[in-house]
Amino acid sequence: MKFKHSPRYTEAFIREAVQASLSSPQTQVSLAARFGVHPNTLSRWRKEWVMENNARGQALPNTGPEKSVQELEREVKRLKKQLKRAQLENDILKKADEYFIRHGK
C-alpha cells in the first residue's frame, strides 16, 4: 500500500495565503481553492499564525468580512446600553403622559 505524499509549502507561500485570508472578503473555501490547498490546511495555517502573533503580543490585522469577537462584544454592550436608555426614556414619557391625563394640561 502506497502512502500519499503531502506537498511541502514554502514559508512565503504560507504567509501569502494567510495574509490573503485575513485581508480578503472572500471565504476561506474560495481562497483555499485559489491557492490550491485544502480549506482545513488554510484554517490550520491561520490558527498557527494567530497563535504565534498573540504570543509575541502583536495585533492581528483582520480586514476581512468578519468582525472579531471583541468587536462584536463591544457592539452588543453598546446596543444593550442604548436599549436600556431608550426603555428608560419610554418609561418617563409614559409617566408624564399619565400625569398630564390626570391633572390636565
N, C-alpha and C. Protein backbone atom coordinates (compact mmCIF):
# COMPACT_ATOMS: atom_id res chain seq x y z
N MET A 1 0.84 -1.16 0.00
CA MET A 1 0.00 0.00 0.00
C MET A 1 0.89 1.24 0.00
N LYS A 2 0.63 2.16 -0.91
CA LYS A 2 1.41 3.38 -1.00
C LYS A 2 0.72 4.50 -0.23
N PHE A 3 1.53 5.28 0.42
CA PHE A 3 1.00 6.44 1.14
C PHE A 3 1.08 7.66 0.24
N LYS A 4 0.08 8.50 0.35
CA LYS A 4 0.05 9.71 -0.45
C LYS A 4 0.99 10.73 0.19
N HIS A 5 1.87 11.29 -0.60
CA HIS A 5 2.83 12.27 -0.12
C HIS A 5 2.17 13.64 -0.09
N SER A 6 2.17 14.27 1.09
CA SER A 6 1.59 15.61 1.15
C SER A 6 2.64 16.64 0.70
N PRO A 7 2.19 17.58 -0.07
CA PRO A 7 3.14 18.57 -0.59
C PRO A 7 3.67 19.48 0.52
N ARG A 8 4.88 19.92 0.36
CA ARG A 8 5.50 20.85 1.30
C ARG A 8 5.39 22.25 0.69
N TYR A 9 4.94 23.19 1.49
CA TYR A 9 4.77 24.55 1.03
C TYR A 9 5.84 25.43 1.64
N THR A 10 6.27 26.42 0.89
CA THR A 10 7.30 27.33 1.40
C THR A 10 6.68 28.27 2.43
N GLU A 11 7.54 28.80 3.27
CA GLU A 11 7.08 29.75 4.29
C GLU A 11 6.46 30.99 3.64
N ALA A 12 7.02 31.42 2.52
CA ALA A 12 6.49 32.59 1.81
C ALA A 12 5.09 32.31 1.26
N PHE A 13 4.89 31.10 0.74
CA PHE A 13 3.57 30.72 0.21
C PHE A 13 2.54 30.69 1.32
N ILE A 14 2.92 30.11 2.46
CA ILE A 14 2.01 30.02 3.60
C ILE A 14 1.66 31.42 4.09
N ARG A 15 2.68 32.28 4.22
CA ARG A 15 2.46 33.65 4.69
C ARG A 15 1.54 34.41 3.74
N GLU A 16 1.74 34.23 2.43
CA GLU A 16 0.89 34.89 1.43
C GLU A 16 -0.57 34.40 1.55
N ALA A 17 -0.75 33.11 1.70
CA ALA A 17 -2.10 32.54 1.82
C ALA A 17 -2.79 33.05 3.09
N VAL A 18 -2.07 33.08 4.19
CA VAL A 18 -2.65 33.54 5.45
C VAL A 18 -3.00 35.03 5.36
N GLN A 19 -2.08 35.83 4.83
CA GLN A 19 -2.35 37.27 4.70
C GLN A 19 -3.56 37.50 3.79
N ALA A 20 -3.67 36.74 2.72
CA ALA A 20 -4.81 36.89 1.82
C ALA A 20 -6.10 36.51 2.53
N SER A 21 -6.06 35.47 3.35
CA SER A 21 -7.28 35.04 4.05
C SER A 21 -7.68 36.04 5.12
N LEU A 22 -6.72 36.76 5.69
CA LEU A 22 -7.04 37.76 6.71
C LEU A 22 -7.55 39.07 6.10
N SER A 23 -7.09 39.38 4.91
CA SER A 23 -7.43 40.69 4.35
C SER A 23 -8.47 40.64 3.24
N SER A 24 -8.87 39.47 2.82
CA SER A 24 -9.81 39.36 1.70
C SER A 24 -11.23 39.14 2.19
N PRO A 25 -12.21 39.72 1.48
CA PRO A 25 -13.60 39.46 1.85
C PRO A 25 -14.10 38.09 1.37
N GLN A 26 -13.26 37.36 0.64
CA GLN A 26 -13.65 36.03 0.16
C GLN A 26 -13.65 35.03 1.31
N THR A 27 -14.38 33.96 1.14
CA THR A 27 -14.42 32.91 2.15
C THR A 27 -13.12 32.12 2.14
N GLN A 28 -12.87 31.41 3.23
CA GLN A 28 -11.67 30.59 3.29
C GLN A 28 -11.71 29.48 2.25
N VAL A 29 -12.89 28.97 1.96
CA VAL A 29 -13.02 27.88 0.98
C VAL A 29 -12.59 28.37 -0.40
N SER A 30 -13.06 29.56 -0.78
CA SER A 30 -12.70 30.06 -2.11
C SER A 30 -11.22 30.43 -2.18
N LEU A 31 -10.68 30.98 -1.09
CA LEU A 31 -9.25 31.29 -1.08
C LEU A 31 -8.40 30.03 -1.11
N ALA A 32 -8.83 29.01 -0.38
CA ALA A 32 -8.10 27.75 -0.38
C ALA A 32 -8.07 27.16 -1.79
N ALA A 33 -9.20 27.24 -2.48
CA ALA A 33 -9.24 26.74 -3.86
C ALA A 33 -8.32 27.55 -4.75
N ARG A 34 -8.29 28.86 -4.54
CA ARG A 34 -7.42 29.72 -5.35
C ARG A 34 -5.94 29.38 -5.14
N PHE A 35 -5.58 29.04 -3.91
CA PHE A 35 -4.19 28.70 -3.62
C PHE A 35 -3.89 27.22 -3.82
N GLY A 36 -4.92 26.42 -4.08
CA GLY A 36 -4.72 25.00 -4.34
C GLY A 36 -4.43 24.19 -3.10
N VAL A 37 -4.99 24.59 -1.96
CA VAL A 37 -4.82 23.84 -0.72
C VAL A 37 -6.19 23.49 -0.17
N HIS A 38 -6.23 22.55 0.75
CA HIS A 38 -7.49 22.17 1.38
C HIS A 38 -7.89 23.27 2.37
N PRO A 39 -9.18 23.57 2.49
CA PRO A 39 -9.62 24.62 3.43
C PRO A 39 -9.17 24.37 4.88
N ASN A 40 -9.11 23.11 5.28
CA ASN A 40 -8.64 22.81 6.63
C ASN A 40 -7.17 23.18 6.81
N THR A 41 -6.40 23.00 5.75
CA THR A 41 -4.98 23.37 5.81
C THR A 41 -4.84 24.87 5.98
N LEU A 42 -5.60 25.64 5.21
CA LEU A 42 -5.56 27.10 5.32
C LEU A 42 -6.00 27.53 6.72
N SER A 43 -7.03 26.90 7.22
CA SER A 43 -7.52 27.21 8.56
C SER A 43 -6.45 26.93 9.62
N ARG A 44 -5.75 25.81 9.47
CA ARG A 44 -4.69 25.45 10.41
C ARG A 44 -3.55 26.47 10.35
N TRP A 45 -3.17 26.88 9.13
CA TRP A 45 -2.12 27.89 8.98
C TRP A 45 -2.52 29.19 9.65
N ARG A 46 -3.77 29.60 9.45
CA ARG A 46 -4.26 30.84 10.08
C ARG A 46 -4.18 30.73 11.60
N LYS A 47 -4.63 29.60 12.13
CA LYS A 47 -4.63 29.40 13.57
C LYS A 47 -3.20 29.46 14.12
N GLU A 48 -2.27 28.79 13.44
CA GLU A 48 -0.88 28.79 13.89
C GLU A 48 -0.31 30.21 13.84
N TRP A 49 -0.62 30.95 12.79
CA TRP A 49 -0.11 32.31 12.64
C TRP A 49 -0.67 33.21 13.74
N VAL A 50 -1.97 33.06 14.01
CA VAL A 50 -2.61 33.87 15.05
C VAL A 50 -1.99 33.55 16.41
N MET A 51 -1.78 32.28 16.70
CA MET A 51 -1.21 31.89 17.99
C MET A 51 0.21 32.44 18.14
N GLU A 52 1.00 32.40 17.08
CA GLU A 52 2.37 32.93 17.13
C GLU A 52 2.35 34.42 17.41
N ASN A 53 1.49 35.16 16.73
CA ASN A 53 1.45 36.61 16.90
C ASN A 53 0.85 37.01 18.24
N ASN A 54 -0.08 36.22 18.77
CA ASN A 54 -0.61 36.51 20.10
C ASN A 54 0.47 36.30 21.15
N ALA A 55 1.31 35.28 20.95
CA ALA A 55 2.39 35.01 21.90
C ALA A 55 3.41 36.16 21.90
N ARG A 56 3.58 36.80 20.75
CA ARG A 56 4.51 37.92 20.63
C ARG A 56 3.86 39.24 21.09
N GLY A 57 2.55 39.23 21.29
CA GLY A 57 1.86 40.44 21.70
C GLY A 57 1.56 41.39 20.56
N GLN A 58 1.59 40.90 19.34
CA GLN A 58 1.32 41.74 18.17
C GLN A 58 -0.17 41.75 17.86
N ALA A 59 -0.62 42.88 17.38
CA ALA A 59 -2.01 42.99 16.96
C ALA A 59 -2.20 42.25 15.65
N LEU A 60 -3.37 41.69 15.47
CA LEU A 60 -3.66 40.93 14.26
C LEU A 60 -4.54 41.75 13.34
N PRO A 61 -4.04 42.11 12.16
CA PRO A 61 -4.88 42.85 11.23
C PRO A 61 -5.88 41.91 10.57
N ASN A 62 -7.14 42.23 10.68
CA ASN A 62 -8.16 41.42 10.04
C ASN A 62 -9.15 42.36 9.39
N THR A 63 -8.97 42.58 8.11
CA THR A 63 -9.85 43.50 7.40
C THR A 63 -10.85 42.74 6.55
N GLY A 64 -10.99 41.47 6.82
CA GLY A 64 -11.93 40.64 6.06
C GLY A 64 -13.36 40.94 6.45
N PRO A 65 -14.29 40.13 5.98
CA PRO A 65 -15.70 40.42 6.19
C PRO A 65 -16.17 40.19 7.62
N GLU A 66 -15.45 39.40 8.36
CA GLU A 66 -15.87 39.04 9.71
C GLU A 66 -15.34 40.05 10.73
N LYS A 67 -16.15 40.32 11.74
CA LYS A 67 -15.70 41.15 12.85
C LYS A 67 -15.10 40.22 13.90
N SER A 68 -14.18 40.76 14.65
CA SER A 68 -13.59 39.95 15.71
C SER A 68 -14.60 39.78 16.84
N VAL A 69 -14.35 38.82 17.68
CA VAL A 69 -15.23 38.54 18.82
C VAL A 69 -15.29 39.77 19.73
N GLN A 70 -14.13 40.40 19.95
CA GLN A 70 -14.10 41.57 20.82
C GLN A 70 -14.95 42.71 20.24
N GLU A 71 -14.87 42.92 18.93
CA GLU A 71 -15.68 43.97 18.31
C GLU A 71 -17.16 43.67 18.46
N LEU A 72 -17.54 42.41 18.27
CA LEU A 72 -18.94 42.03 18.42
C LEU A 72 -19.41 42.19 19.86
N GLU A 73 -18.56 41.84 20.82
CA GLU A 73 -18.92 42.01 22.23
C GLU A 73 -19.09 43.48 22.58
N ARG A 74 -18.20 44.34 22.07
CA ARG A 74 -18.33 45.77 22.31
C ARG A 74 -19.61 46.31 21.71
N GLU A 75 -19.94 45.85 20.50
CA GLU A 75 -21.16 46.30 19.85
C GLU A 75 -22.40 45.85 20.63
N VAL A 76 -22.40 44.61 21.12
CA VAL A 76 -23.53 44.12 21.91
C VAL A 76 -23.67 44.96 23.18
N LYS A 77 -22.56 45.25 23.84
CA LYS A 77 -22.60 46.06 25.06
C LYS A 77 -23.16 47.45 24.77
N ARG A 78 -22.70 48.06 23.67
CA ARG A 78 -23.18 49.38 23.29
C ARG A 78 -24.67 49.36 22.99
N LEU A 79 -25.11 48.34 22.27
CA LEU A 79 -26.53 48.25 21.90
C LEU A 79 -27.41 47.98 23.13
N LYS A 80 -26.92 47.19 24.07
CA LYS A 80 -27.68 46.95 25.31
C LYS A 80 -27.83 48.25 26.09
N LYS A 81 -26.75 49.03 26.16
CA LYS A 81 -26.79 50.31 26.87
C LYS A 81 -27.78 51.26 26.18
N GLN A 82 -27.75 51.28 24.85
CA GLN A 82 -28.66 52.12 24.09
C GLN A 82 -30.12 51.69 24.30
N LEU A 83 -30.36 50.38 24.34
CA LEU A 83 -31.71 49.87 24.57
C LEU A 83 -32.20 50.24 25.97
N LYS A 84 -31.33 50.11 26.97
CA LYS A 84 -31.71 50.45 28.33
C LYS A 84 -32.09 51.92 28.43
N ARG A 85 -31.32 52.79 27.79
CA ARG A 85 -31.62 54.22 27.80
C ARG A 85 -32.95 54.50 27.11
N ALA A 86 -33.20 53.86 25.97
CA ALA A 86 -34.46 54.06 25.25
C ALA A 86 -35.65 53.58 26.08
N GLN A 87 -35.48 52.46 26.78
CA GLN A 87 -36.56 51.97 27.64
C GLN A 87 -36.83 52.94 28.79
N LEU A 88 -35.77 53.50 29.37
CA LEU A 88 -35.93 54.47 30.45
C LEU A 88 -36.66 55.72 29.94
N GLU A 89 -36.26 56.21 28.78
CA GLU A 89 -36.94 57.36 28.19
C GLU A 89 -38.40 57.06 27.94
N ASN A 90 -38.70 55.86 27.45
CA ASN A 90 -40.07 55.45 27.18
C ASN A 90 -40.89 55.42 28.47
N ASP A 91 -40.30 54.89 29.55
CA ASP A 91 -40.99 54.85 30.85
C ASP A 91 -41.28 56.26 31.35
N ILE A 92 -40.32 57.17 31.21
CA ILE A 92 -40.51 58.55 31.65
C ILE A 92 -41.64 59.20 30.86
N LEU A 93 -41.66 58.99 29.56
CA LEU A 93 -42.72 59.58 28.73
C LEU A 93 -44.09 59.00 29.08
N LYS A 94 -44.17 57.71 29.39
CA LYS A 94 -45.44 57.10 29.80
C LYS A 94 -45.94 57.73 31.10
N LYS A 95 -45.04 57.92 32.07
CA LYS A 95 -45.42 58.52 33.35
C LYS A 95 -45.86 59.97 33.15
N ALA A 96 -45.16 60.69 32.30
CA ALA A 96 -45.54 62.08 32.03
C ALA A 96 -46.91 62.13 31.36
N ASP A 97 -47.16 61.22 30.45
CA ASP A 97 -48.46 61.16 29.77
C ASP A 97 -49.57 60.89 30.78
N GLU A 98 -49.36 59.94 31.68
CA GLU A 98 -50.35 59.63 32.71
C GLU A 98 -50.60 60.85 33.60
N TYR A 99 -49.53 61.54 33.96
CA TYR A 99 -49.66 62.72 34.83
C TYR A 99 -50.53 63.78 34.16
N PHE A 100 -50.24 64.08 32.88
CA PHE A 100 -50.99 65.13 32.19
C PHE A 100 -52.43 64.71 31.92
N ILE A 101 -52.67 63.42 31.76
CA ILE A 101 -54.06 62.97 31.57
C ILE A 101 -54.84 63.19 32.86
N ARG A 102 -54.24 62.88 34.03
CA ARG A 102 -54.93 63.03 35.32
C ARG A 102 -55.09 64.49 35.74
N HIS A 103 -54.08 65.29 35.56
CA HIS A 103 -54.07 66.66 36.08
C HIS A 103 -54.39 67.70 35.03
N GLY A 104 -54.62 67.28 33.86
CA GLY A 104 -54.94 68.23 32.78
C GLY A 104 -53.70 68.98 32.32
N LYS A 105 -53.86 69.66 31.23
CA LYS A 105 -52.69 70.34 30.65
C LYS A 105 -52.62 71.74 31.05
